[in-house]
């Protein structure tokens, strides 16, 4: 059985917590300002056009 070092587990847990806090904040603000919108097919197509042809370098 493979296990990851504890350091990575701690970092993953911290990243997960920060992401949840950020998303909670963003959702709360969007609901407050009444700016929350459904993600539409048109939005998806526009996003795909923005990244069309983009290639990432290997790390």
PDB file of N, CA and C in Angstrom:
ATOM      1  N   UNK A   1       0.842  -1.189   0.000  1.00  0.00           N
ATOM      2  CA  UNK A   1       0.000   0.000   0.000  1.00  0.00           C
ATOM      3  C   UNK A   1       0.881   1.245   0.000  1.00  0.00           C
ATOM      4  N   UNK A   2       0.567   2.184  -0.873  1.00  0.00           N
ATOM      5  CA  UNK A   2       1.325   3.420  -0.966  1.00  0.00           C
ATOM      6  C   UNK A   2       0.673   4.483  -0.095  1.00  0.00           C
ATOM      7  N   UNK A   3       1.490   5.243   0.591  1.00  0.00           N
ATOM      8  CA  UNK A   3       0.982   6.354   1.375  1.00  0.00           C
ATOM      9  C   UNK A   3       1.790   7.587   1.043  1.00  0.00           C
ATOM     10  N   UNK A   4       1.140   8.724   1.110  1.00  0.00           N
ATOM     11  CA  UNK A   4       1.845   9.971   0.855  1.00  0.00           C
ATOM     12  C   UNK A   4       2.427  10.481   2.161  1.00  0.00           C
ATOM     13  N   UNK A   5       3.521  11.212   2.084  1.00  0.00           N
ATOM     14  CA  UNK A   5       4.083  11.794   3.308  1.00  0.00           C
ATOM     15  C   UNK A   5       3.074  12.729   3.965  1.00  0.00           C
ATOM     16  N   UNK A   6       3.135  12.839   5.254  1.00  0.00           N
ATOM     17  CA  UNK A   6       2.210  13.670   6.026  1.00  0.00           C
ATOM     18  C   UNK A   6       2.240  15.120   5.564  1.00  0.00           C
ATOM     19  N   UNK A   7       3.401  15.611   5.147  1.00  0.00           N
ATOM     20  CA  UNK A   7       3.530  16.993   4.710  1.00  0.00           C
ATOM     21  C   UNK A   7       2.549  17.294   3.581  1.00  0.00           C
ATOM     22  N   UNK A   8       2.455  16.404   2.601  1.00  0.00           N
ATOM     23  CA  UNK A   8       1.538  16.621   1.487  1.00  0.00           C
ATOM     24  C   UNK A   8       0.092  16.593   1.962  1.00  0.00           C
ATOM     25  N   UNK A   9      -0.224  15.711   2.901  1.00  0.00           N
ATOM     26  CA  UNK A   9      -1.587  15.663   3.438  1.00  0.00           C
ATOM     27  C   UNK A   9      -1.941  16.980   4.110  1.00  0.00           C
ATOM     28  N   UNK A  10      -1.000  17.529   4.876  1.00  0.00           N
ATOM     29  CA  UNK A  10      -1.243  18.808   5.537  1.00  0.00           C
ATOM     30  C   UNK A  10      -1.418  19.923   4.514  1.00  0.00           C
ATOM     31  N   UNK A  11      -0.589  19.927   3.470  1.00  0.00           N
ATOM     32  CA  UNK A  11      -0.695  20.949   2.430  1.00  0.00           C
ATOM     33  C   UNK A  11      -2.011  20.806   1.678  1.00  0.00           C
ATOM     34  N   UNK A  12      -2.401  19.578   1.374  1.00  0.00           N
ATOM     35  CA  UNK A  12      -3.667  19.341   0.678  1.00  0.00           C
ATOM     36  C   UNK A  12      -4.847  19.795   1.527  1.00  0.00           C
ATOM     37  N   UNK A  13      -4.795  19.508   2.807  1.00  0.00           N
ATOM     38  CA  UNK A  13      -5.881  19.907   3.706  1.00  0.00           C
ATOM     39  C   UNK A  13      -5.969  21.428   3.788  1.00  0.00           C
ATOM     40  N   UNK A  14      -4.812  22.087   3.842  1.00  0.00           N
ATOM     41  CA  UNK A  14      -4.797  23.547   3.901  1.00  0.00           C
ATOM     42  C   UNK A  14      -5.319  24.143   2.592  1.00  0.00           C
ATOM     43  N   UNK A  15      -4.883  23.583   1.463  1.00  0.00           N
ATOM     44  CA  UNK A  15      -5.377  24.055   0.165  1.00  0.00           C
ATOM     45  C   UNK A  15      -6.884  23.878   0.054  1.00  0.00           C
ATOM     46  N   UNK A  16      -7.374  22.736   0.517  1.00  0.00           N
ATOM     47  CA  UNK A  16      -8.802  22.461   0.469  1.00  0.00           C
ATOM     48  C   UNK A  16      -9.574  23.460   1.334  1.00  0.00           C
ATOM     49  N   UNK A  17      -9.070  23.728   2.510  1.00  0.00           N
ATOM     50  CA  UNK A  17      -9.722  24.687   3.400  1.00  0.00           C
ATOM     51  C   UNK A  17      -9.734  26.080   2.783  1.00  0.00           C
ATOM     52  N   UNK A  18      -8.608  26.504   2.229  1.00  0.00           N
ATOM     53  CA  UNK A  18      -8.543  27.831   1.613  1.00  0.00           C
ATOM     54  C   UNK A  18      -9.498  27.942   0.432  1.00  0.00           C
ATOM     55  N   UNK A  19      -9.595  26.886  -0.361  1.00  0.00           N
ATOM     56  CA  UNK A  19     -10.505  26.901  -1.504  1.00  0.00           C
ATOM     57  C   UNK A  19     -11.952  26.990  -1.030  1.00  0.00           C
ATOM     58  N   UNK A  20     -12.301  26.224   0.001  1.00  0.00           N
ATOM     59  CA  UNK A  20     -13.676  26.289   0.524  1.00  0.00           C
ATOM     60  C   UNK A  20     -13.995  27.668   1.070  1.00  0.00           C
ATOM     61  N   UNK A  21     -13.039  28.279   1.795  1.00  0.00           N
ATOM     62  CA  UNK A  21     -13.257  29.625   2.328  1.00  0.00           C
ATOM     63  C   UNK A  21     -13.432  30.639   1.203  1.00  0.00           C
ATOM     64  N   UNK A  22     -12.589  30.533   0.171  1.00  0.00           N
ATOM     65  CA  UNK A  22     -12.700  31.438  -0.969  1.00  0.00           C
ATOM     66  C   UNK A  22     -14.053  31.285  -1.662  1.00  0.00           C
ATOM     67  N   UNK A  23     -14.457  30.034  -1.922  1.00  0.00           N
ATOM     68  CA  UNK A  23     -15.727  29.800  -2.607  1.00  0.00           C
ATOM     69  C   UNK A  23     -16.913  30.251  -1.768  1.00  0.00           C
ATOM     70  N   UNK A  24     -16.850  30.048  -0.452  1.00  0.00           N
ATOM     71  CA  UNK A  24     -17.912  30.535   0.434  1.00  0.00           C
ATOM     72  C   UNK A  24     -18.008  32.051   0.355  1.00  0.00           C
ATOM     73  N   UNK A  25     -16.854  32.716   0.405  1.00  0.00           N
ATOM     74  CA  UNK A  25     -16.822  34.180   0.320  1.00  0.00           C
ATOM     75  C   UNK A  25     -17.370  34.660  -1.016  1.00  0.00           C
ATOM     76  N   UNK A  26     -16.888  34.057  -2.124  1.00  0.00           N
ATOM     77  CA  UNK A  26     -17.323  34.478  -3.452  1.00  0.00           C
ATOM     78  C   UNK A  26     -18.823  34.270  -3.637  1.00  0.00           C
ATOM     79  N   UNK A  27     -19.331  33.152  -3.172  1.00  0.00           N
ATOM     80  CA  UNK A  27     -20.761  32.872  -3.289  1.00  0.00           C
ATOM     81  C   UNK A  27     -21.573  33.859  -2.461  1.00  0.00           C
ATOM     82  N   UNK A  28     -21.142  34.113  -1.250  1.00  0.00           N
ATOM     83  CA  UNK A  28     -21.840  35.061  -0.371  1.00  0.00           C
ATOM     84  C   UNK A  28     -21.884  36.448  -1.003  1.00  0.00           C
ATOM     85  N   UNK A  29     -20.756  36.901  -1.542  1.00  0.00           N
ATOM     86  CA  UNK A  29     -20.704  38.223  -2.169  1.00  0.00           C
ATOM     87  C   UNK A  29     -21.581  38.279  -3.422  1.00  0.00           C
ATOM     88  N   UNK A  30     -21.554  37.233  -4.224  1.00  0.00           N
ATOM     89  CA  UNK A  30     -22.374  37.204  -5.436  1.00  0.00           C
ATOM     90  C   UNK A  30     -23.859  37.232  -5.090  1.00  0.00           C
ATOM     91  N   UNK A  31     -24.240  36.504  -4.063  1.00  0.00           N
ATOM     92  CA  UNK A  31     -25.643  36.502  -3.647  1.00  0.00           C
ATOM     93  C   UNK A  31     -26.041  37.853  -3.069  1.00  0.00           C
ATOM     94  N   UNK A  32     -25.123  38.480  -2.337  1.00  0.00           N
ATOM     95  CA  UNK A  32     -25.391  39.781  -1.748  1.00  0.00           C
ATOM     96  C   UNK A  32     -25.612  40.842  -2.822  1.00  0.00           C
ATOM     97  N   UNK A  33     -24.744  40.812  -3.833  1.00  0.00           N
ATOM     98  CA  UNK A  33     -24.797  41.810  -4.905  1.00  0.00           C
ATOM     99  C   UNK A  33     -25.748  41.414  -6.025  1.00  0.00           C
ATOM    100  N   UNK A  34     -26.352  40.241  -5.876  1.00  0.00           N
ATOM    101  CA  UNK A  34     -27.287  39.739  -6.881  1.00  0.00           C
ATOM    102  C   UNK A  34     -26.627  39.624  -8.253  1.00  0.00           C
ATOM    103  N   UNK A  35     -25.354  39.190  -8.278  1.00  0.00           N
ATOM    104  CA  UNK A  35     -24.609  39.083  -9.533  1.00  0.00           C
ATOM    105  C   UNK A  35     -24.365  37.635  -9.943  1.00  0.00           C
ATOM    106  N   UNK A  36     -24.925  36.691  -9.218  1.00  0.00           N
ATOM    107  CA  UNK A  36     -24.744  35.277  -9.540  1.00  0.00           C
ATOM    108  C   UNK A  36     -25.538  34.945 -10.805  1.00  0.00           C
ATOM    109  N   UNK A  37     -24.851  34.302 -11.774  1.00  0.00           N
ATOM    110  CA  UNK A  37     -25.488  33.959 -13.044  1.00  0.00           C
ATOM    111  C   UNK A  37     -25.294  32.483 -13.329  1.00  0.00           C
ATOM    112  N   UNK A  38     -26.255  31.875 -14.026  1.00  0.00           N
ATOM    113  CA  UNK A  38     -26.045  30.480 -14.433  1.00  0.00           C
ATOM    114  C   UNK A  38     -24.962  30.426 -15.511  1.00  0.00           C
ATOM    115  N   UNK A  39     -24.208  29.331 -15.528  1.00  0.00           N
ATOM    116  CA  UNK A  39     -23.173  29.126 -16.535  1.00  0.00           C
ATOM    117  C   UNK A  39     -23.844  28.549 -17.768  1.00  0.00           C
ATOM    118  N   UNK A  40     -23.830  29.295 -18.844  1.00  0.00           N
ATOM    119  CA  UNK A  40     -24.560  28.908 -20.039  1.00  0.00           C
ATOM    120  C   UNK A  40     -23.651  28.255 -21.084  1.00  0.00           C
ATOM    121  N   UNK A  41     -24.278  27.663 -22.074  1.00  0.00           N
ATOM    122  CA  UNK A  41     -23.544  27.081 -23.197  1.00  0.00           C
ATOM    123  C   UNK A  41     -22.743  28.167 -23.917  1.00  0.00           C
ATOM    124  N   UNK A  42     -23.321  29.346 -24.044  1.00  0.00           N
ATOM    125  CA  UNK A  42     -22.633  30.453 -24.713  1.00  0.00           C
ATOM    126  C   UNK A  42     -21.372  30.847 -23.946  1.00  0.00           C
ATOM    127  N   UNK A  43     -21.457  30.876 -22.632  1.00  0.00           N
ATOM    128  CA  UNK A  43     -20.285  31.193 -21.815  1.00  0.00           C
ATOM    129  C   UNK A  43     -19.208  30.131 -22.000  1.00  0.00           C
ATOM    130  N   UNK A  44     -19.620  28.887 -22.029  1.00  0.00           N
ATOM    131  CA  UNK A  44     -18.686  27.783 -22.216  1.00  0.00           C
ATOM    132  C   UNK A  44     -17.983  27.891 -23.561  1.00  0.00           C
ATOM    133  N   UNK A  45     -18.743  28.184 -24.607  1.00  0.00           N
ATOM    134  CA  UNK A  45     -18.161  28.326 -25.941  1.00  0.00           C
ATOM    135  C   UNK A  45     -17.185  29.499 -25.990  1.00  0.00           C
ATOM    136  N   UNK A  46     -17.534  30.605 -25.354  1.00  0.00           N
ATOM    137  CA  UNK A  46     -16.643  31.770 -25.319  1.00  0.00           C
ATOM    138  C   UNK A  46     -15.348  31.422 -24.583  1.00  0.00           C
ATOM    139  N   UNK A  47     -15.444  30.686 -23.483  1.00  0.00           N
ATOM    140  CA  UNK A  47     -14.258  30.293 -22.732  1.00  0.00           C
ATOM    141  C   UNK A  47     -13.372  29.371 -23.560  1.00  0.00           C
ATOM    142  N   UNK A  48     -13.988  28.444 -24.270  1.00  0.00           N
ATOM    143  CA  UNK A  48     -13.218  27.532 -25.115  1.00  0.00           C
ATOM    144  C   UNK A  48     -12.506  28.285 -26.240  1.00  0.00           C
ATOM    145  N   UNK A  49     -13.144  29.312 -26.795  1.00  0.00           N
ATOM    146  CA  UNK A  49     -12.507  30.113 -27.844  1.00  0.00           C
ATOM    147  C   UNK A  49     -11.295  30.863 -27.303  1.00  0.00           C
ATOM    148  N   UNK A  50     -11.389  31.330 -26.053  1.00  0.00           N
ATOM    149  CA  UNK A  50     -10.272  32.062 -25.452  1.00  0.00           C
ATOM    150  C   UNK A  50      -9.026  31.195 -25.302  1.00  0.00           C
ATOM    151  N   UNK A  51      -9.221  29.917 -25.006  1.00  0.00           N
ATOM    152  CA  UNK A  51      -8.058  29.055 -24.766  1.00  0.00           C
ATOM    153  C   UNK A  51      -7.720  28.169 -25.963  1.00  0.00           C
ATOM    154  N   UNK A  52      -8.438  28.340 -27.059  1.00  0.00           N
ATOM    155  CA  UNK A  52      -8.179  27.536 -28.247  1.00  0.00           C
ATOM    156  C   UNK A  52      -6.749  27.756 -28.733  1.00  0.00           C
ATOM    157  N   UNK A  53      -6.045  26.670 -28.930  1.00  0.00           N
ATOM    158  CA  UNK A  53      -4.678  26.731 -29.428  1.00  0.00           C
ATOM    159  C   UNK A  53      -3.622  26.986 -28.373  1.00  0.00           C
ATOM    160  N   UNK A  54      -4.026  27.213 -27.138  1.00  0.00           N
ATOM    161  CA  UNK A  54      -3.057  27.437 -26.064  1.00  0.00           C
ATOM    162  C   UNK A  54      -2.394  26.118 -25.697  1.00  0.00           C
ATOM    163  N   UNK A  55      -1.072  26.129 -25.607  1.00  0.00           N
ATOM    164  CA  UNK A  55      -0.345  24.941 -25.221  1.00  0.00           C
ATOM    165  C   UNK A  55       0.475  25.260 -23.977  1.00  0.00           C
ATOM    166  N   UNK A  56       0.416  24.370 -22.999  1.00  0.00           N
ATOM    167  CA  UNK A  56       1.163  24.551 -21.770  1.00  0.00           C
ATOM    168  C   UNK A  56       2.501  23.839 -21.876  1.00  0.00           C
ATOM    169  N   UNK A  57       3.524  24.456 -21.321  1.00  0.00           N
ATOM    170  CA  UNK A  57       4.834  23.830 -21.293  1.00  0.00           C
ATOM    171  C   UNK A  57       4.858  22.801 -20.171  1.00  0.00           C
ATOM    172  N   UNK A  58       5.601  21.719 -20.382  1.00  0.00           N
ATOM    173  CA  UNK A  58       5.782  20.742 -19.320  1.00  0.00           C
ATOM    174  C   UNK A  58       6.625  21.358 -18.221  1.00  0.00           C
ATOM    175  N   UNK A  59       6.302  21.016 -16.996  1.00  0.00           N
ATOM    176  CA  UNK A  59       7.057  21.567 -15.867  1.00  0.00           C
ATOM    177  C   UNK A  59       8.328  20.819 -15.657  1.00  0.00           C
TER     178      UNK A  59
END
